[in-house]
Amino acid sequence: MPYTLMFIREPVSVNSSAKHTVYEAELLELLKNKYQLAKGKKTLIPKGEALYVQMFYFCKRRCGRDIDNILKYTIDSFRKYLYKDDSQISYVLSQAIVLEDNKVVPIDTNGMDDEALLTLTDFMFTDQRDWTSCTYFECGRKNEKFHHFNLEDLWK
């Protein structure tokens, strides 16, 4: 079972002057509220497990950050709680999706938990809030099926 989190907060970029420690603390608190550590455990996922991370950065119009620049602080947020160290992560897939550019392209939400799906739906179809972006983060155990070349053919 992957660990997932959807958050409505503009991510901090490595190129930004914003305080990444505040961002990291906020994300960690969201994760702790959603997933409790088992008694006697130090992290949700044991040290030594090979992991993947998938991140979607949804923006209504123009994305304020480059996806590659927000990955680092987002991944760092969960060290020592979700996983022991980010060196366990050996596969990362990230996408920035500008919703006004993707009106015709369906977004496959199979596998997304109900809470994340509700947040994404609210974000996509409600203009009354001052939300500019929402981000979906997923981390799970990697297996031998993650190694592919020519992803374009794989996803046809």
N, C-alpha and C. Protein backbone atom coordinates (compact mmCIF):
# COMPACT_ATOMS: atom_id res chain seq x y z
N MET A 1 0.84 -1.18 0.00
CA MET A 1 0.00 0.00 0.00
C MET A 1 0.88 1.25 0.00
N PRO A 2 0.72 2.10 -0.99
CA PRO A 2 1.53 3.32 -0.98
C PRO A 2 1.00 4.33 0.05
N TYR A 3 1.86 5.18 0.48
CA TYR A 3 1.50 6.29 1.37
C TYR A 3 1.27 7.50 0.48
N THR A 4 0.12 8.15 0.66
CA THR A 4 -0.24 9.26 -0.22
C THR A 4 -0.61 10.49 0.59
N LEU A 5 -0.45 11.63 -0.05
CA LEU A 5 -0.81 12.89 0.58
C LEU A 5 -1.14 13.89 -0.51
N MET A 6 -2.26 14.57 -0.36
CA MET A 6 -2.64 15.65 -1.28
C MET A 6 -2.64 16.92 -0.44
N PHE A 7 -1.94 17.93 -0.90
CA PHE A 7 -1.92 19.17 -0.13
C PHE A 7 -2.14 20.39 -1.01
N ILE A 8 -2.85 21.37 -0.41
CA ILE A 8 -3.19 22.61 -1.10
C ILE A 8 -2.26 23.69 -0.58
N ARG A 9 -1.06 23.60 -0.88
CA ARG A 9 -0.08 24.60 -0.44
C ARG A 9 0.90 24.74 -1.57
N GLU A 10 1.23 25.96 -1.91
CA GLU A 10 2.21 26.16 -2.98
C GLU A 10 3.54 25.58 -2.51
N PRO A 11 4.09 24.63 -3.24
CA PRO A 11 5.36 24.02 -2.81
C PRO A 11 6.51 25.02 -2.83
N VAL A 12 7.50 24.75 -2.02
CA VAL A 12 8.71 25.58 -1.98
C VAL A 12 9.71 25.00 -2.97
N SER A 13 10.32 25.88 -3.73
CA SER A 13 11.30 25.49 -4.74
C SER A 13 12.71 25.68 -4.20
N VAL A 14 13.64 24.89 -4.71
CA VAL A 14 15.04 25.09 -4.31
C VAL A 14 15.55 26.44 -4.80
N ASN A 15 14.90 27.03 -5.78
CA ASN A 15 15.29 28.34 -6.29
C ASN A 15 14.61 29.49 -5.56
N SER A 16 13.77 29.16 -4.61
CA SER A 16 12.98 30.17 -3.91
C SER A 16 13.71 30.65 -2.65
N SER A 17 13.40 31.86 -2.24
CA SER A 17 13.98 32.37 -0.99
C SER A 17 13.10 32.01 0.21
N ALA A 18 11.98 31.34 -0.05
CA ALA A 18 11.07 30.95 1.03
C ALA A 18 11.76 29.96 1.97
N LYS A 19 11.33 29.96 3.19
CA LYS A 19 11.90 29.07 4.20
C LYS A 19 11.41 27.64 3.99
N HIS A 20 12.31 26.78 3.57
CA HIS A 20 11.90 25.41 3.31
C HIS A 20 11.63 24.64 4.59
N THR A 21 12.19 25.07 5.72
CA THR A 21 11.96 24.35 6.97
C THR A 21 10.50 24.44 7.40
N VAL A 22 9.86 25.58 7.17
CA VAL A 22 8.44 25.74 7.50
C VAL A 22 7.61 24.82 6.60
N TYR A 23 7.92 24.81 5.32
CA TYR A 23 7.24 23.95 4.35
C TYR A 23 7.38 22.49 4.75
N GLU A 24 8.60 22.07 5.04
CA GLU A 24 8.85 20.68 5.40
C GLU A 24 8.09 20.30 6.67
N ALA A 25 8.06 21.19 7.65
CA ALA A 25 7.35 20.91 8.90
C ALA A 25 5.84 20.78 8.67
N GLU A 26 5.29 21.64 7.81
CA GLU A 26 3.86 21.57 7.50
C GLU A 26 3.49 20.25 6.82
N LEU A 27 4.30 19.83 5.85
CA LEU A 27 4.02 18.57 5.16
C LEU A 27 4.16 17.38 6.10
N LEU A 28 5.19 17.40 6.93
CA LEU A 28 5.39 16.31 7.88
C LEU A 28 4.20 16.20 8.83
N GLU A 29 3.69 17.32 9.28
CA GLU A 29 2.54 17.32 10.18
C GLU A 29 1.30 16.73 9.50
N LEU A 30 1.09 17.08 8.23
CA LEU A 30 -0.02 16.49 7.46
C LEU A 30 0.12 14.97 7.38
N LEU A 31 1.33 14.51 7.11
CA LEU A 31 1.58 13.07 7.00
C LEU A 31 1.36 12.37 8.34
N LYS A 32 1.86 12.97 9.42
CA LYS A 32 1.69 12.37 10.75
C LYS A 32 0.22 12.29 11.14
N ASN A 33 -0.57 13.27 10.73
CA ASN A 33 -2.00 13.24 11.03
C ASN A 33 -2.72 12.14 10.26
N LYS A 34 -2.21 11.81 9.09
CA LYS A 34 -2.85 10.78 8.26
C LYS A 34 -2.37 9.37 8.59
N TYR A 35 -1.08 9.23 8.91
CA TYR A 35 -0.49 7.91 9.15
C TYR A 35 0.23 7.90 10.50
N GLN A 36 -0.20 7.02 11.39
CA GLN A 36 0.42 6.90 12.71
C GLN A 36 1.49 5.81 12.68
N LEU A 37 2.57 6.03 13.39
CA LEU A 37 3.61 5.01 13.51
C LEU A 37 3.10 3.86 14.37
N ALA A 38 3.44 2.65 13.97
CA ALA A 38 3.14 1.49 14.81
C ALA A 38 4.02 1.54 16.05
N LYS A 39 3.52 1.00 17.12
CA LYS A 39 4.27 1.02 18.38
C LYS A 39 5.65 0.39 18.19
N GLY A 40 6.67 1.09 18.64
CA GLY A 40 8.04 0.59 18.56
C GLY A 40 8.73 0.86 17.23
N LYS A 41 8.02 1.40 16.26
CA LYS A 41 8.60 1.69 14.94
C LYS A 41 9.13 3.12 14.89
N LYS A 42 10.22 3.31 14.16
CA LYS A 42 10.79 4.64 13.99
C LYS A 42 10.32 5.31 12.71
N THR A 43 10.01 4.49 11.70
CA THR A 43 9.52 5.02 10.43
C THR A 43 8.37 4.14 9.94
N LEU A 44 7.55 4.70 9.05
CA LEU A 44 6.45 3.92 8.47
C LEU A 44 6.98 2.80 7.59
N ILE A 45 8.03 3.10 6.81
CA ILE A 45 8.63 2.11 5.91
C ILE A 45 10.01 1.76 6.46
N PRO A 46 10.30 0.49 6.64
CA PRO A 46 11.59 0.10 7.23
C PRO A 46 12.79 0.53 6.39
N LYS A 47 13.89 0.77 7.08
CA LYS A 47 15.15 1.07 6.42
C LYS A 47 15.52 -0.10 5.52
N GLY A 48 16.08 0.22 4.38
CA GLY A 48 16.51 -0.83 3.46
C GLY A 48 15.51 -1.15 2.36
N GLU A 49 14.26 -0.73 2.53
CA GLU A 49 13.26 -0.96 1.49
C GLU A 49 13.55 -0.03 0.30
N ALA A 50 13.51 -0.57 -0.90
CA ALA A 50 13.65 0.24 -2.12
C ALA A 50 12.31 0.91 -2.39
N LEU A 51 12.34 2.22 -2.62
CA LEU A 51 11.11 2.99 -2.74
C LEU A 51 11.00 3.75 -4.05
N TYR A 52 9.77 4.08 -4.39
CA TYR A 52 9.50 5.00 -5.49
C TYR A 52 8.72 6.19 -4.93
N VAL A 53 8.82 7.29 -5.62
CA VAL A 53 8.02 8.48 -5.32
C VAL A 53 7.38 8.94 -6.62
N GLN A 54 6.12 9.29 -6.50
CA GLN A 54 5.39 9.86 -7.63
C GLN A 54 4.76 11.16 -7.14
N MET A 55 4.91 12.22 -7.92
CA MET A 55 4.37 13.50 -7.50
C MET A 55 3.70 14.19 -8.68
N PHE A 56 2.50 14.69 -8.44
CA PHE A 56 1.76 15.47 -9.43
C PHE A 56 1.54 16.86 -8.86
N TYR A 57 1.93 17.86 -9.60
CA TYR A 57 1.77 19.26 -9.22
C TYR A 57 0.71 19.83 -10.14
N PHE A 58 -0.51 20.01 -9.61
CA PHE A 58 -1.63 20.51 -10.39
C PHE A 58 -1.74 22.03 -10.23
N CYS A 59 -1.86 22.72 -11.34
CA CYS A 59 -2.00 24.18 -11.32
C CYS A 59 -3.22 24.55 -12.15
N LYS A 60 -3.95 25.56 -11.72
CA LYS A 60 -5.13 25.97 -12.49
C LYS A 60 -4.74 26.61 -13.81
N ARG A 61 -3.79 27.49 -13.76
CA ARG A 61 -3.38 28.16 -14.98
C ARG A 61 -1.91 27.92 -15.26
N ARG A 62 -1.08 28.72 -14.72
CA ARG A 62 0.36 28.58 -14.93
C ARG A 62 0.98 28.08 -13.63
N CYS A 63 1.87 27.10 -13.74
CA CYS A 63 2.56 26.60 -12.54
C CYS A 63 3.61 27.60 -12.11
N GLY A 64 3.60 27.92 -10.83
CA GLY A 64 4.54 28.89 -10.29
C GLY A 64 5.92 28.33 -10.03
N ARG A 65 6.04 27.02 -10.07
CA ARG A 65 7.32 26.38 -9.79
C ARG A 65 7.59 25.32 -10.85
N ASP A 66 8.87 25.03 -11.06
CA ASP A 66 9.25 23.91 -11.91
C ASP A 66 9.19 22.65 -11.06
N ILE A 67 8.63 21.60 -11.61
CA ILE A 67 8.42 20.36 -10.85
C ILE A 67 9.73 19.81 -10.29
N ASP A 68 10.81 19.89 -11.04
CA ASP A 68 12.07 19.34 -10.55
C ASP A 68 12.61 20.13 -9.36
N ASN A 69 12.25 21.40 -9.27
CA ASN A 69 12.74 22.23 -8.17
C ASN A 69 11.94 22.08 -6.88
N ILE A 70 10.76 21.48 -6.96
CA ILE A 70 9.98 21.28 -5.73
C ILE A 70 10.12 19.86 -5.18
N LEU A 71 10.69 18.98 -5.96
CA LEU A 71 10.84 17.59 -5.51
C LEU A 71 11.71 17.47 -4.26
N LYS A 72 12.85 18.14 -4.25
CA LYS A 72 13.82 17.95 -3.17
C LYS A 72 13.23 18.23 -1.79
N TYR A 73 12.65 19.41 -1.62
CA TYR A 73 12.13 19.76 -0.29
C TYR A 73 10.91 18.92 0.08
N THR A 74 10.14 18.52 -0.91
CA THR A 74 8.99 17.66 -0.62
C THR A 74 9.47 16.30 -0.15
N ILE A 75 10.41 15.71 -0.84
CA ILE A 75 10.97 14.42 -0.43
C ILE A 75 11.67 14.54 0.92
N ASP A 76 12.42 15.61 1.12
CA ASP A 76 13.11 15.81 2.40
C ASP A 76 12.14 15.93 3.58
N SER A 77 10.93 16.41 3.32
CA SER A 77 9.95 16.60 4.39
C SER A 77 9.65 15.32 5.16
N PHE A 78 9.74 14.21 4.49
CA PHE A 78 9.27 12.95 5.07
C PHE A 78 10.38 12.04 5.59
N ARG A 79 11.63 12.52 5.53
CA ARG A 79 12.75 11.75 6.08
C ARG A 79 12.54 11.52 7.57
N LYS A 80 12.94 10.39 8.00
CA LYS A 80 12.93 9.99 9.41
C LYS A 80 11.53 9.80 9.97
N TYR A 81 10.50 9.84 9.11
CA TYR A 81 9.15 9.47 9.54
C TYR A 81 8.54 8.47 8.56
N LEU A 82 8.48 8.84 7.30
CA LEU A 82 7.98 7.92 6.28
C LEU A 82 9.05 6.89 5.94
N TYR A 83 10.27 7.36 5.72
CA TYR A 83 11.42 6.50 5.43
C TYR A 83 12.60 7.02 6.21
N LYS A 84 13.57 6.15 6.43
CA LYS A 84 14.75 6.54 7.21
C LYS A 84 15.55 7.62 6.48
N ASP A 85 15.80 7.39 5.19
CA ASP A 85 16.63 8.32 4.43
C ASP A 85 16.15 8.34 2.99
N ASP A 86 16.28 9.47 2.34
CA ASP A 86 15.82 9.54 0.95
C ASP A 86 16.70 8.76 -0.01
N SER A 87 17.81 8.22 0.47
CA SER A 87 18.63 7.35 -0.39
C SER A 87 17.89 6.04 -0.70
N GLN A 88 16.83 5.73 0.03
CA GLN A 88 16.01 4.56 -0.25
C GLN A 88 15.21 4.73 -1.54
N ILE A 89 15.02 5.97 -1.98
CA ILE A 89 14.22 6.27 -3.17
C ILE A 89 15.09 6.16 -4.40
N SER A 90 14.73 5.22 -5.27
CA SER A 90 15.54 5.03 -6.48
C SER A 90 14.72 5.22 -7.76
N TYR A 91 13.47 5.56 -7.61
CA TYR A 91 12.63 5.80 -8.79
C TYR A 91 11.72 6.98 -8.47
N VAL A 92 11.75 8.01 -9.32
CA VAL A 92 10.92 9.19 -9.12
C VAL A 92 10.23 9.53 -10.43
N LEU A 93 8.94 9.74 -10.34
CA LEU A 93 8.16 10.19 -11.49
C LEU A 93 7.41 11.44 -11.06
N SER A 94 7.60 12.52 -11.78
CA SER A 94 6.94 13.77 -11.40
C SER A 94 6.33 14.43 -12.62
N GLN A 95 5.19 15.07 -12.40
CA GLN A 95 4.50 15.74 -13.49
C GLN A 95 3.90 17.05 -13.00
N ALA A 96 4.00 18.07 -13.82
CA ALA A 96 3.28 19.32 -13.58
C ALA A 96 2.13 19.33 -14.58
N ILE A 97 0.93 19.50 -14.09
CA ILE A 97 -0.25 19.47 -14.95
C ILE A 97 -0.98 20.80 -14.82
N VAL A 98 -1.00 21.55 -15.91
CA VAL A 98 -1.74 22.81 -15.96
C VAL A 98 -3.15 22.46 -16.43
N LEU A 99 -4.12 22.64 -15.56
CA LEU A 99 -5.47 22.16 -15.84
C LEU A 99 -6.10 22.83 -17.05
N GLU A 100 -5.86 24.12 -17.25
CA GLU A 100 -6.49 24.76 -18.41
C GLU A 100 -5.91 24.23 -19.72
N ASP A 101 -4.71 23.65 -19.68
CA ASP A 101 -4.11 23.05 -20.87
C ASP A 101 -4.57 21.61 -21.08
N ASN A 102 -5.18 21.00 -20.08
CA ASN A 102 -5.54 19.58 -20.12
C ASN A 102 -7.05 19.35 -20.08
N LYS A 103 -7.80 20.26 -20.62
CA LYS A 103 -9.25 20.14 -20.56
C LYS A 103 -9.77 18.90 -21.29
N VAL A 104 -9.08 18.48 -22.34
CA VAL A 104 -9.53 17.34 -23.13
C VAL A 104 -8.93 16.04 -22.62
N VAL A 105 -7.77 16.11 -22.00
CA VAL A 105 -7.06 14.91 -21.57
C VAL A 105 -7.58 14.47 -20.20
N PRO A 106 -8.15 13.26 -20.13
CA PRO A 106 -8.63 12.79 -18.83
C PRO A 106 -7.46 12.45 -17.91
N ILE A 107 -7.66 12.66 -16.64
CA ILE A 107 -6.66 12.30 -15.64
C ILE A 107 -7.15 11.03 -14.96
N ASP A 108 -6.39 9.96 -15.08
CA ASP A 108 -6.77 8.68 -14.50
C ASP A 108 -6.52 8.72 -13.00
N THR A 109 -7.59 8.70 -12.23
CA THR A 109 -7.47 8.77 -10.77
C THR A 109 -7.67 7.40 -10.11
N ASN A 110 -7.64 6.34 -10.89
CA ASN A 110 -7.72 4.99 -10.30
C ASN A 110 -6.57 4.81 -9.33
N GLY A 111 -6.87 4.31 -8.18
CA GLY A 111 -5.83 4.08 -7.19
C GLY A 111 -5.62 5.25 -6.24
N MET A 112 -6.22 6.40 -6.54
CA MET A 112 -6.08 7.55 -5.65
C MET A 112 -7.06 7.38 -4.49
N ASP A 113 -6.62 7.64 -3.26
CA ASP A 113 -7.52 7.47 -2.13
C ASP A 113 -8.63 8.53 -2.17
N ASP A 114 -9.73 8.24 -1.47
CA ASP A 114 -10.93 9.09 -1.53
C ASP A 114 -10.66 10.53 -1.10
N GLU A 115 -9.89 10.69 -0.04
CA GLU A 115 -9.60 12.04 0.47
C GLU A 115 -8.84 12.86 -0.57
N ALA A 116 -7.85 12.26 -1.20
CA ALA A 116 -7.07 12.96 -2.22
C ALA A 116 -7.94 13.28 -3.43
N LEU A 117 -8.78 12.34 -3.82
CA LEU A 117 -9.66 12.55 -4.97
C LEU A 117 -10.65 13.68 -4.70
N LEU A 118 -11.21 13.73 -3.51
CA LEU A 118 -12.13 14.82 -3.16
C LEU A 118 -11.42 16.17 -3.20
N THR A 119 -10.21 16.23 -2.68
CA THR A 119 -9.45 17.48 -2.69
C THR A 119 -9.15 17.91 -4.12
N LEU A 120 -8.72 16.97 -4.95
CA LEU A 120 -8.41 17.30 -6.35
C LEU A 120 -9.66 17.77 -7.08
N THR A 121 -10.77 17.08 -6.88
CA THR A 121 -12.02 17.48 -7.53
C THR A 121 -12.45 18.87 -7.09
N ASP A 122 -12.36 19.13 -5.80
CA ASP A 122 -12.69 20.45 -5.26
C ASP A 122 -11.78 21.51 -5.88
N PHE A 123 -10.50 21.21 -5.96
CA PHE A 123 -9.54 22.15 -6.54
C PHE A 123 -9.86 22.42 -8.01
N MET A 124 -10.16 21.38 -8.76
CA MET A 124 -10.37 21.51 -10.20
C MET A 124 -11.64 22.29 -10.55
N PHE A 125 -12.68 22.11 -9.75
CA PHE A 125 -13.98 22.64 -10.15
C PHE A 125 -14.51 23.76 -9.28
N THR A 126 -13.73 24.25 -8.34
CA THR A 126 -14.16 25.35 -7.49
C THR A 126 -13.25 26.55 -7.72
N ASP A 127 -13.84 27.62 -8.20
CA ASP A 127 -13.06 28.84 -8.42
C ASP A 127 -13.20 29.84 -7.28
N GLN A 128 -14.00 29.52 -6.28
CA GLN A 128 -14.26 30.48 -5.22
C GLN A 128 -13.14 30.56 -4.19
N ARG A 129 -12.25 29.60 -4.20
CA ARG A 129 -11.13 29.62 -3.25
C ARG A 129 -9.91 30.22 -3.92
N ASP A 130 -8.99 30.64 -3.12
CA ASP A 130 -7.77 31.25 -3.63
C ASP A 130 -6.66 30.20 -3.76
N TRP A 131 -6.99 29.04 -4.29
CA TRP A 131 -6.02 27.97 -4.47
C TRP A 131 -5.39 28.10 -5.84
N THR A 132 -4.07 28.16 -5.90
CA THR A 132 -3.39 28.23 -7.19
C THR A 132 -2.86 26.87 -7.62
N SER A 133 -2.62 26.00 -6.64
CA SER A 133 -2.09 24.67 -6.97
C SER A 133 -2.46 23.67 -5.88
N CYS A 134 -2.38 22.42 -6.24
CA CYS A 134 -2.43 21.35 -5.25
C CYS A 134 -1.45 20.28 -5.71
N THR A 135 -0.91 19.56 -4.77
CA THR A 135 0.15 18.60 -5.07
C THR A 135 -0.21 17.24 -4.47
N TYR A 136 -0.04 16.22 -5.29
CA TYR A 136 -0.26 14.84 -4.86
C TYR A 136 1.10 14.17 -4.73
N PHE A 137 1.35 13.57 -3.58
CA PHE A 137 2.60 12.88 -3.29
C PHE A 137 2.27 11.43 -2.98
N GLU A 138 3.04 10.52 -3.55
CA GLU A 138 2.85 9.09 -3.30
C GLU A 138 4.21 8.44 -3.12
N CYS A 139 4.33 7.59 -2.12
CA CYS A 139 5.56 6.85 -1.89
C CYS A 139 5.20 5.40 -1.57
N GLY A 140 5.86 4.49 -2.27
CA GLY A 140 5.58 3.07 -2.04
C GLY A 140 6.82 2.23 -2.29
N ARG A 141 6.65 0.96 -2.11
CA ARG A 141 7.74 0.01 -2.30
C ARG A 141 7.93 -0.27 -3.78
N LYS A 142 9.17 -0.26 -4.20
CA LYS A 142 9.53 -0.49 -5.60
C LYS A 142 9.74 -1.98 -5.83
N ASN A 143 9.38 -2.44 -7.02
CA ASN A 143 9.67 -3.83 -7.38
C ASN A 143 10.36 -3.87 -8.74
N GLU A 144 10.57 -5.07 -9.26
CA GLU A 144 11.32 -5.22 -10.51
C GLU A 144 10.58 -4.66 -11.73
N LYS A 145 9.32 -4.33 -11.62
CA LYS A 145 8.55 -3.82 -12.76
C LYS A 145 8.76 -2.33 -13.01
N PHE A 146 9.58 -1.69 -12.22
CA PHE A 146 9.78 -0.25 -12.36
C PHE A 146 10.82 0.12 -13.41
N HIS A 147 11.55 -0.83 -13.91
CA HIS A 147 12.63 -0.53 -14.84
C HIS A 147 12.15 -0.66 -16.27
N HIS A 148 11.94 0.47 -16.92
CA HIS A 148 11.45 0.49 -18.30
C HIS A 148 12.17 1.58 -19.08
N PHE A 149 12.39 1.29 -20.33
CA PHE A 149 12.83 2.30 -21.28
C PHE A 149 11.65 2.56 -22.21
N ASN A 150 11.67 3.67 -22.87
CA ASN A 150 10.62 4.01 -23.83
C ASN A 150 9.24 3.99 -23.16
N LEU A 151 9.07 4.82 -22.14
CA LEU A 151 7.80 4.88 -21.42
C LEU A 151 6.63 5.23 -22.32
N GLU A 152 6.93 5.94 -23.39
CA GLU A 152 5.87 6.33 -24.33
C GLU A 152 5.13 5.10 -24.85
N ASP A 153 5.86 4.04 -25.18
CA ASP A 153 5.23 2.81 -25.65
C ASP A 153 4.53 2.05 -24.52
N LEU A 154 5.11 2.11 -23.33
CA LEU A 154 4.52 1.42 -22.19
C LEU A 154 3.13 1.96 -21.88
N TRP A 155 2.94 3.27 -22.04
CA TRP A 155 1.68 3.90 -21.66
C TRP A 155 0.70 4.08 -22.82
N LYS A 156 0.97 3.42 -23.94
CA LYS A 156 0.04 3.54 -25.09
C LYS A 156 -1.19 2.72 -24.84
